[in-house]
Amino acid sequence: MASKNILLGLMSGTSCDGLTVAAVKLSPFSVVAFENFPYHKALQKKLLTAYKLRAPQLSQLHFELGKLYAQKVTQFLKTHKISKAQLIGVGMHGQTVYHGPKDKFPNTLQIAEPSYLAEELGCPVVSNFRERDMVLGGQGAPLIPFFDEFVFGKNTPKILLNLGGIANLSIVGKNIKTSGFDCGPANSLMDLACAKFLRQSFDKNGAHAARATADKKLVARLLQQKFFRQKPPKSLDKNAFGTAYLNKHFAAFEKSQVNHLLATLNYFTAAAVAQAIKNFIPKNQQREIIVSGGGAFNKTLLENLQKLTGLPVYTSTKFHIHPQAKEAAAFALFAAQTLQHKSNHCPAATGARKKTILGRITL
């Protein structure tokens, strides 16, 4: 009989481009397999605009996505020769439809019905990780600093930067109080510009951005906006740097200037991170940056980060964690903590009043 030694983590980020599944072992922590399952364009479009749906349509999408998750996980297990009997449990972030920590009544909504996975796999599924943190006065985000402390917290100080749709970072290390926060756009604006002008989903390697110079005066003006000056803890809704923001602040760029636009957006992303590090991270903790998420493959973005921060920049591959597997792997860890009745968030990062156990278990 197979021993139960594997947890699965599922993550679908703010770009709504697909589902990442990671299989991890806990002791010692390792990612044993991971895979990305791209969404069809029609589903991506539906998810990106899900916050506009009426209740019946949103409810249907919640179930549709849960069923799709179960299908993709079954496929994942078959491909990577992992048996259901090996599974301890699953941590599922779900798809964020809306995140409003600063609303009059703070709230957040992630969808994808977990019952499909629980029924298909025959193991506990932990979902809805953000709510309880918010009930305790936190922002429900970022959650990844807990993972970063677990994996990287015993060594020299590190800034762990995730570049998904939104950029968020953690600061961890020996004798350091772990913290973290959302710091601005990551791939969101660049991807929208690519879709609008190039009919492609992203700027591979930052190639278009590398062919032009950035409008640094525009970037300097944008960095005066309230969010960038606001002290942590702070988190962003996925639409904070979406189509409306692009149309409002970058409307002057025409199709013929797409390289100039992408150079500016790329520089803006890196400059927002650099300003956040300068303003909110003590100098003695600014040693190196470890990048994960899709932005880790944008060569121009990594070069801009290195120039603007003056710090060494590596990807999480250096630590044997694929940049696109990290967030999914984190939710596997969160699920393990929930199932063991152990705390799995970082109140210093979210602003919650105390530690608690996040996640709702579907048996």
Protein backbone atom coordinates (compact mmCIF):
# COMPACT_ATOMS: atom_id res chain seq x y z
CA MET A 1 0.00 0.00 0.00
CA ALA A 2 1.33 3.44 -0.95
CA SER A 3 2.28 5.67 1.96
CA LYS A 4 0.56 9.06 2.25
CA ASN A 5 3.47 11.44 1.65
CA ILE A 6 2.33 13.96 -0.98
CA LEU A 7 0.29 17.15 -0.86
CA LEU A 8 -1.03 18.96 -3.89
CA GLY A 9 -1.20 22.73 -4.26
CA LEU A 10 -3.39 24.47 -6.85
CA MET A 11 -2.97 28.07 -7.93
CA SER A 12 -4.63 30.26 -10.53
CA GLY A 13 -3.35 33.80 -10.45
CA THR A 14 -4.61 37.24 -11.31
CA SER A 15 -3.88 36.84 -15.03
CA CYS A 16 -6.47 34.00 -15.16
CA ASP A 17 -4.39 32.25 -17.82
CA GLY A 18 -4.42 28.77 -16.33
CA LEU A 19 -4.12 26.41 -13.39
CA THR A 20 -0.79 25.40 -11.84
CA VAL A 21 -0.67 22.11 -9.94
CA ALA A 22 2.32 21.24 -7.74
CA ALA A 23 3.02 18.03 -5.81
CA VAL A 24 5.22 18.47 -2.75
CA LYS A 25 6.80 16.46 0.01
CA LEU A 26 7.24 18.17 3.35
CA SER A 27 10.25 16.68 5.09
CA PRO A 28 12.56 17.86 3.69
CA PHE A 29 10.45 20.27 1.65
CA SER A 30 10.64 19.57 -2.07
CA VAL A 31 8.54 20.05 -5.19
CA VAL A 32 8.39 16.61 -6.79
CA ALA A 33 6.30 17.60 -9.83
CA PHE A 34 4.41 20.54 -11.26
CA GLU A 35 2.47 21.42 -14.39
CA ASN A 36 0.63 24.38 -15.90
CA PHE A 37 -2.74 23.80 -17.54
CA PRO A 38 -3.62 26.79 -19.76
CA TYR A 39 -7.25 27.91 -19.87
CA HIS A 40 -9.09 28.31 -23.15
CA LYS A 41 -9.30 31.97 -24.17
CA ALA A 42 -13.08 32.00 -23.65
CA LEU A 43 -12.71 30.83 -20.04
CA GLN A 44 -9.91 33.31 -19.38
CA LYS A 45 -12.07 36.14 -20.67
CA LYS A 46 -14.99 34.98 -18.50
CA LEU A 47 -12.77 34.82 -15.40
CA LEU A 48 -11.23 38.23 -16.02
CA THR A 49 -14.69 39.79 -16.09
CA ALA A 50 -16.30 37.49 -13.49
CA TYR A 51 -16.72 40.39 -11.04
CA LYS A 52 -19.37 41.79 -13.40
CA LEU A 53 -21.49 38.60 -13.46
CA ARG A 54 -24.91 38.29 -11.87
CA ALA A 55 -25.32 35.74 -9.07
CA PRO A 56 -26.68 32.82 -11.22
CA GLN A 57 -23.84 33.10 -13.74
CA LEU A 58 -21.19 33.48 -11.03
CA SER A 59 -22.55 30.46 -9.16
CA GLN A 60 -22.42 28.40 -12.36
CA LEU A 61 -18.82 29.50 -13.02
CA HIS A 62 -17.89 28.50 -9.46
CA PHE A 63 -19.05 24.94 -10.15
CA GLU A 64 -17.67 24.86 -13.70
CA LEU A 65 -14.22 25.78 -12.44
CA GLY A 66 -14.34 23.24 -9.60
CA LYS A 67 -15.12 20.47 -12.07
CA LEU A 68 -12.31 21.61 -14.37
CA TYR A 69 -9.84 21.58 -11.45
CA ALA A 70 -10.80 17.96 -10.66
CA GLN A 71 -10.28 16.96 -14.31
CA LYS A 72 -6.87 18.64 -14.54
CA VAL A 73 -5.65 17.19 -11.23
CA THR A 74 -6.68 13.69 -12.32
CA GLN A 75 -4.71 14.23 -15.53
CA PHE A 76 -1.74 15.54 -13.50
CA LEU A 77 -1.66 12.47 -11.25
CA LYS A 78 -1.75 10.13 -14.25
CA THR A 79 1.04 12.00 -16.08
CA HIS A 80 3.33 12.09 -13.05
CA LYS A 81 2.47 8.57 -11.84
CA ILE A 82 1.17 9.68 -8.45
CA SER A 83 -1.56 7.53 -6.93
CA LYS A 84 -4.54 8.92 -5.03
CA ALA A 85 -3.49 6.67 -2.12
CA GLN A 86 -0.34 8.82 -1.70
CA LEU A 87 -2.27 12.05 -1.14
CA ILE A 88 -2.45 13.62 2.31
CA GLY A 89 -4.57 16.49 1.04
CA VAL A 90 -4.93 19.40 -1.37
CA GLY A 91 -4.54 23.15 -0.88
CA MET A 92 -6.61 25.12 -3.37
CA HIS A 93 -6.43 28.89 -3.67
CA GLY A 94 -9.28 29.19 -6.16
CA GLN A 95 -9.76 32.01 -8.63
CA THR A 96 -10.01 35.49 -7.16
CA VAL A 97 -13.09 37.28 -8.46
CA TYR A 98 -12.81 40.27 -6.12
CA HIS A 99 -10.54 41.35 -3.29
CA GLY A 100 -11.60 44.39 -1.28
CA PRO A 101 -9.66 44.67 1.99
CA LYS A 102 -10.17 48.43 2.13
CA ASP A 103 -13.92 48.37 1.43
CA LYS A 104 -16.33 49.67 4.07
CA PHE A 105 -17.02 46.02 4.86
CA PRO A 106 -13.73 44.22 3.99
CA ASN A 107 -14.36 41.20 1.77
CA THR A 108 -12.82 38.80 -0.71
CA LEU A 109 -14.15 36.13 -3.08
CA GLN A 110 -12.33 33.14 -4.57
CA ILE A 111 -14.31 30.64 -6.65
CA ALA A 112 -13.97 26.94 -7.70
CA GLU A 113 -16.13 24.45 -5.82
CA PRO A 114 -13.77 22.15 -3.83
CA SER A 115 -16.29 19.28 -3.51
CA TYR A 116 -15.38 18.03 -6.99
CA LEU A 117 -11.76 17.51 -5.93
CA ALA A 118 -12.68 15.95 -2.59
CA GLU A 119 -15.03 13.51 -4.32
CA GLU A 120 -12.58 12.66 -7.11
CA LEU A 121 -9.48 12.24 -4.94
CA GLY A 122 -10.91 10.90 -1.69
CA CYS A 123 -8.76 13.21 0.46
CA PRO A 124 -9.34 16.49 2.32
CA VAL A 125 -9.33 19.67 0.24
CA VAL A 126 -8.50 22.96 1.96
CA SER A 127 -9.75 26.16 0.32
CA ASN A 128 -10.84 29.73 1.17
CA PHE A 129 -7.61 30.73 2.86
CA ARG A 130 -8.10 34.50 2.88
CA GLU A 131 -11.34 35.05 4.79
CA ARG A 132 -10.34 34.32 8.38
CA ASP A 133 -7.32 36.58 8.14
CA MET A 134 -9.68 39.38 7.08
CA VAL A 135 -12.06 38.65 9.95
CA LEU A 136 -9.07 39.28 12.22
CA GLY A 137 -8.51 42.70 10.65
CA GLY A 138 -5.93 41.55 8.10
CA GLN A 139 -5.98 42.16 4.37
CA GLY A 140 -6.16 38.46 3.50
CA ALA A 141 -2.95 38.96 1.53
CA PRO A 142 -0.16 38.44 0.94
CA LEU A 143 -0.14 34.86 2.21
CA ILE A 144 3.12 33.71 0.63
CA PRO A 145 5.42 35.23 3.33
CA PHE A 146 4.56 32.27 5.57
CA PHE A 147 5.86 29.88 2.91
CA ASP A 148 8.94 32.02 2.34
CA GLU A 149 9.76 31.93 6.05
CA PHE A 150 9.23 28.15 6.17
CA VAL A 151 11.56 27.50 3.23
CA PHE A 152 14.08 30.37 3.34
CA GLY A 153 13.82 31.82 6.86
CA LYS A 154 16.79 30.13 8.53
CA ASN A 155 19.51 31.76 6.43
CA THR A 156 20.83 35.21 5.44
CA PRO A 157 18.16 37.85 4.67
CA LYS A 158 16.38 37.49 1.35
CA ILE A 159 13.74 39.46 -0.52
CA LEU A 160 11.40 36.97 -2.20
CA LEU A 161 9.66 38.69 -5.11
CA ASN A 162 6.72 37.10 -6.90
CA LEU A 163 5.92 38.55 -10.32
CA GLY A 164 2.53 37.20 -11.34
CA GLY A 165 -0.21 39.61 -12.39
CA ILE A 166 0.56 41.71 -9.31
CA ALA A 167 4.02 42.07 -7.72
CA ASN A 168 4.36 41.06 -4.09
CA LEU A 169 7.39 40.52 -1.90
CA SER A 170 8.44 38.93 1.36
CA ILE A 171 11.41 39.67 3.60
CA VAL A 172 12.74 36.65 5.50
CA GLY A 173 15.93 35.53 7.20
CA LYS A 174 17.54 34.47 10.42
CA ASN A 175 16.64 36.83 13.31
CA ILE A 176 14.31 38.85 11.04
CA LYS A 177 10.62 39.34 11.68
CA THR A 178 9.03 38.06 8.47
CA SER A 179 6.90 40.56 6.60
CA GLY A 180 5.63 41.22 3.09
CA PHE A 181 3.22 43.21 0.96
CA ASP A 182 1.90 43.85 -2.55
CA CYS A 183 4.03 46.49 -4.23
CA GLY A 184 2.49 47.18 -7.66
CA PRO A 185 1.91 45.72 -11.12
CA ALA A 186 3.89 42.76 -12.39
CA ASN A 187 2.81 41.21 -15.69
CA SER A 188 -0.74 42.60 -15.71
CA LEU A 189 -0.18 45.85 -17.62
CA MET A 190 2.45 44.40 -19.96
CA ASP A 191 0.20 41.46 -20.87
CA LEU A 192 -2.77 43.75 -21.53
CA ALA A 193 -0.64 45.92 -23.82
CA CYS A 194 0.56 42.83 -25.71
CA ALA A 195 -3.01 41.62 -26.17
CA LYS A 196 -4.15 45.05 -27.31
CA PHE A 197 -1.42 45.87 -29.82
CA LEU A 198 0.42 42.64 -30.67
CA ARG A 199 -2.31 40.00 -30.43
CA GLN A 200 -0.04 37.92 -28.23
CA SER A 201 -0.42 37.09 -24.56
CA PHE A 202 2.94 38.37 -23.26
CA ASP A 203 6.26 39.95 -24.21
CA LYS A 204 8.53 36.87 -24.35
CA ASN A 205 11.85 37.56 -22.59
CA GLY A 206 10.90 41.25 -22.58
CA ALA A 207 12.11 41.35 -26.21
CA HIS A 208 9.83 44.20 -27.34
CA ALA A 209 10.64 46.21 -24.22
CA ALA A 210 14.36 45.79 -24.89
CA ARG A 211 14.03 47.48 -28.29
CA ALA A 212 12.97 50.89 -26.94
CA THR A 213 13.54 53.32 -24.09
CA ALA A 214 11.13 53.91 -21.22
CA ASP A 215 9.31 57.17 -20.48
CA LYS A 216 10.94 57.65 -17.09
CA LYS A 217 9.20 60.97 -16.43
CA LEU A 218 5.79 59.27 -16.75
CA VAL A 219 6.92 56.47 -14.44
CA ALA A 220 8.17 58.99 -11.85
CA ARG A 221 4.74 60.69 -11.88
CA LEU A 222 2.89 57.41 -11.49
CA LEU A 223 5.04 56.42 -8.52
CA GLN A 224 3.68 59.47 -6.68
CA GLN A 225 0.26 57.81 -6.54
CA LYS A 226 -1.17 57.02 -3.13
CA PHE A 227 -0.73 53.24 -3.20
CA PHE A 228 3.02 53.40 -3.81
CA ARG A 229 3.54 55.80 -0.90
CA GLN A 230 1.25 53.90 1.46
CA LYS A 231 3.05 51.99 4.21
CA PRO A 232 2.53 48.18 4.52
CA PRO A 233 0.56 46.13 5.26
CA LYS A 234 -1.15 46.60 1.91
CA SER A 235 -2.63 44.41 -0.80
CA LEU A 236 -4.21 44.90 -4.21
CA ASP A 237 -7.25 43.68 -6.09
CA LYS A 238 -6.30 42.03 -9.39
CA ASN A 239 -8.02 44.85 -11.30
CA ALA A 240 -6.02 47.63 -9.61
CA PHE A 241 -3.59 47.56 -12.52
CA GLY A 242 -5.98 46.39 -15.20
CA THR A 243 -7.50 47.70 -18.42
CA ALA A 244 -8.90 50.87 -16.84
CA TYR A 245 -5.47 51.80 -15.44
CA LEU A 246 -3.75 51.14 -18.77
CA ASN A 247 -6.31 53.22 -20.68
CA LYS A 248 -6.16 56.08 -18.20
CA HIS A 249 -2.41 56.49 -17.79
CA PHE A 250 -0.98 55.13 -21.06
CA ALA A 251 -3.57 56.35 -23.56
CA ALA A 252 -1.02 58.52 -25.39
CA PHE A 253 0.80 55.45 -26.75
CA GLU A 254 -0.30 54.34 -30.22
CA LYS A 255 0.16 50.94 -31.88
CA SER A 256 3.27 52.17 -33.69
CA GLN A 257 4.81 52.90 -30.27
CA VAL A 258 4.17 49.47 -28.77
CA ASN A 259 7.87 48.83 -28.02
CA HIS A 260 8.10 52.22 -26.29
CA LEU A 261 4.95 51.38 -24.31
CA LEU A 262 6.26 47.95 -23.25
CA ALA A 263 9.62 49.45 -22.30
CA THR A 264 7.79 51.97 -20.11
CA LEU A 265 5.53 49.36 -18.50
CA ASN A 266 8.49 47.06 -17.87
CA TYR A 267 10.46 49.89 -16.27
CA PHE A 268 7.38 50.95 -14.25
CA THR A 269 7.05 47.42 -12.83
CA ALA A 270 10.71 47.29 -11.80
CA ALA A 271 10.71 50.88 -10.47
CA ALA A 272 7.68 50.20 -8.25
CA VAL A 273 9.48 47.23 -6.71
CA ALA A 274 12.70 49.22 -6.29
CA GLN A 275 10.87 52.09 -4.59
CA ALA A 276 9.07 49.66 -2.25
CA ILE A 277 12.38 48.08 -1.25
CA LYS A 278 14.02 51.46 -0.69
CA ASN A 279 11.13 52.90 1.33
CA PHE A 280 9.91 49.92 3.36
CA ILE A 281 12.76 47.43 3.83
CA PRO A 282 15.63 48.19 6.26
CA LYS A 283 18.97 48.62 4.51
CA ASN A 284 20.60 45.72 6.38
CA GLN A 285 17.93 43.37 5.00
CA GLN A 286 18.53 44.37 1.38
CA ARG A 287 20.94 41.58 0.36
CA GLU A 288 19.50 39.74 -2.65
CA ILE A 289 16.25 39.30 -4.58
CA ILE A 290 14.86 35.86 -5.45
CA VAL A 291 12.23 36.08 -8.20
CA SER A 292 9.38 33.68 -8.94
CA GLY A 293 6.23 33.82 -11.07
CA GLY A 294 5.95 34.35 -14.82
CA GLY A 295 7.95 37.58 -14.62
CA ALA A 296 11.03 35.55 -13.67
CA PHE A 297 11.36 34.70 -17.39
CA ASN A 298 11.30 38.34 -18.52
CA LYS A 299 15.00 39.04 -19.10
CA THR A 300 14.49 42.80 -19.53
CA LEU A 301 12.50 43.02 -16.30
CA LEU A 302 15.20 41.22 -14.32
CA GLU A 303 17.84 43.55 -15.79
CA ASN A 304 15.75 46.59 -14.83
CA LEU A 305 15.32 45.22 -11.30
CA GLN A 306 19.07 44.73 -10.92
CA LYS A 307 19.88 48.22 -12.21
CA LEU A 308 17.23 49.99 -10.12
CA THR A 309 17.83 48.15 -6.84
CA GLY A 310 21.58 47.61 -7.11
CA LEU A 311 21.01 44.13 -5.65
CA PRO A 312 21.86 40.68 -7.02
CA VAL A 313 18.76 39.20 -8.70
CA TYR A 314 18.23 35.43 -9.03
CA THR A 315 15.25 33.25 -9.82
CA SER A 316 13.93 30.60 -7.41
CA THR A 317 15.44 27.96 -9.72
CA LYS A 318 18.67 28.58 -7.80
CA PHE A 319 16.91 26.99 -4.80
CA HIS A 320 15.41 24.09 -6.78
CA ILE A 321 11.92 25.60 -6.97
CA HIS A 322 10.66 26.34 -10.47
CA PRO A 323 9.47 29.98 -10.60
CA GLN A 324 6.03 28.96 -11.84
CA ALA A 325 5.62 26.22 -9.21
CA LYS A 326 6.26 28.29 -6.10
CA GLU A 327 2.80 29.71 -5.35
CA ALA A 328 1.05 26.40 -5.99
CA ALA A 329 3.61 24.68 -3.74
CA ALA A 330 2.87 27.27 -1.04
CA PHE A 331 -0.80 26.29 -0.96
CA ALA A 332 0.18 22.66 -0.50
CA LEU A 333 2.13 23.75 2.59
CA PHE A 334 -0.79 25.88 3.84
CA ALA A 335 -3.09 22.85 3.53
CA ALA A 336 -0.65 20.68 5.50
CA GLN A 337 -0.63 23.26 8.30
CA THR A 338 -4.43 23.48 8.33
CA LEU A 339 -4.81 19.70 8.50
CA GLN A 340 -2.30 19.59 11.39
CA HIS A 341 -4.18 22.41 13.19
CA LYS A 342 -1.19 24.75 12.90
CA SER A 343 -1.07 28.45 12.02
CA ASN A 344 -0.35 29.15 8.35
CA HIS A 345 -0.16 32.91 7.82
CA CYS A 346 2.03 35.86 8.73
CA PRO A 347 0.10 38.60 10.60
CA ALA A 348 3.01 41.03 10.17
CA ALA A 349 2.41 40.85 6.41
CA THR A 350 -1.39 40.88 6.36
CA GLY A 351 -2.10 43.11 9.36
CA ALA A 352 -4.18 40.51 11.18
CA ARG A 353 -4.50 40.94 14.96
CA LYS A 354 -3.14 37.47 15.77
CA LYS A 355 -2.11 34.15 14.29
CA THR A 356 -4.80 31.69 13.33
CA ILE A 357 -5.41 28.67 11.11
CA LEU A 358 -6.58 29.64 7.65
CA GLY A 359 -8.62 27.48 5.30
CA ARG A 360 -11.91 25.65 5.06
CA ILE A 361 -11.74 21.85 4.91
CA THR A 362 -13.92 19.80 2.55
CA LEU A 363 -13.70 16.11 3.50
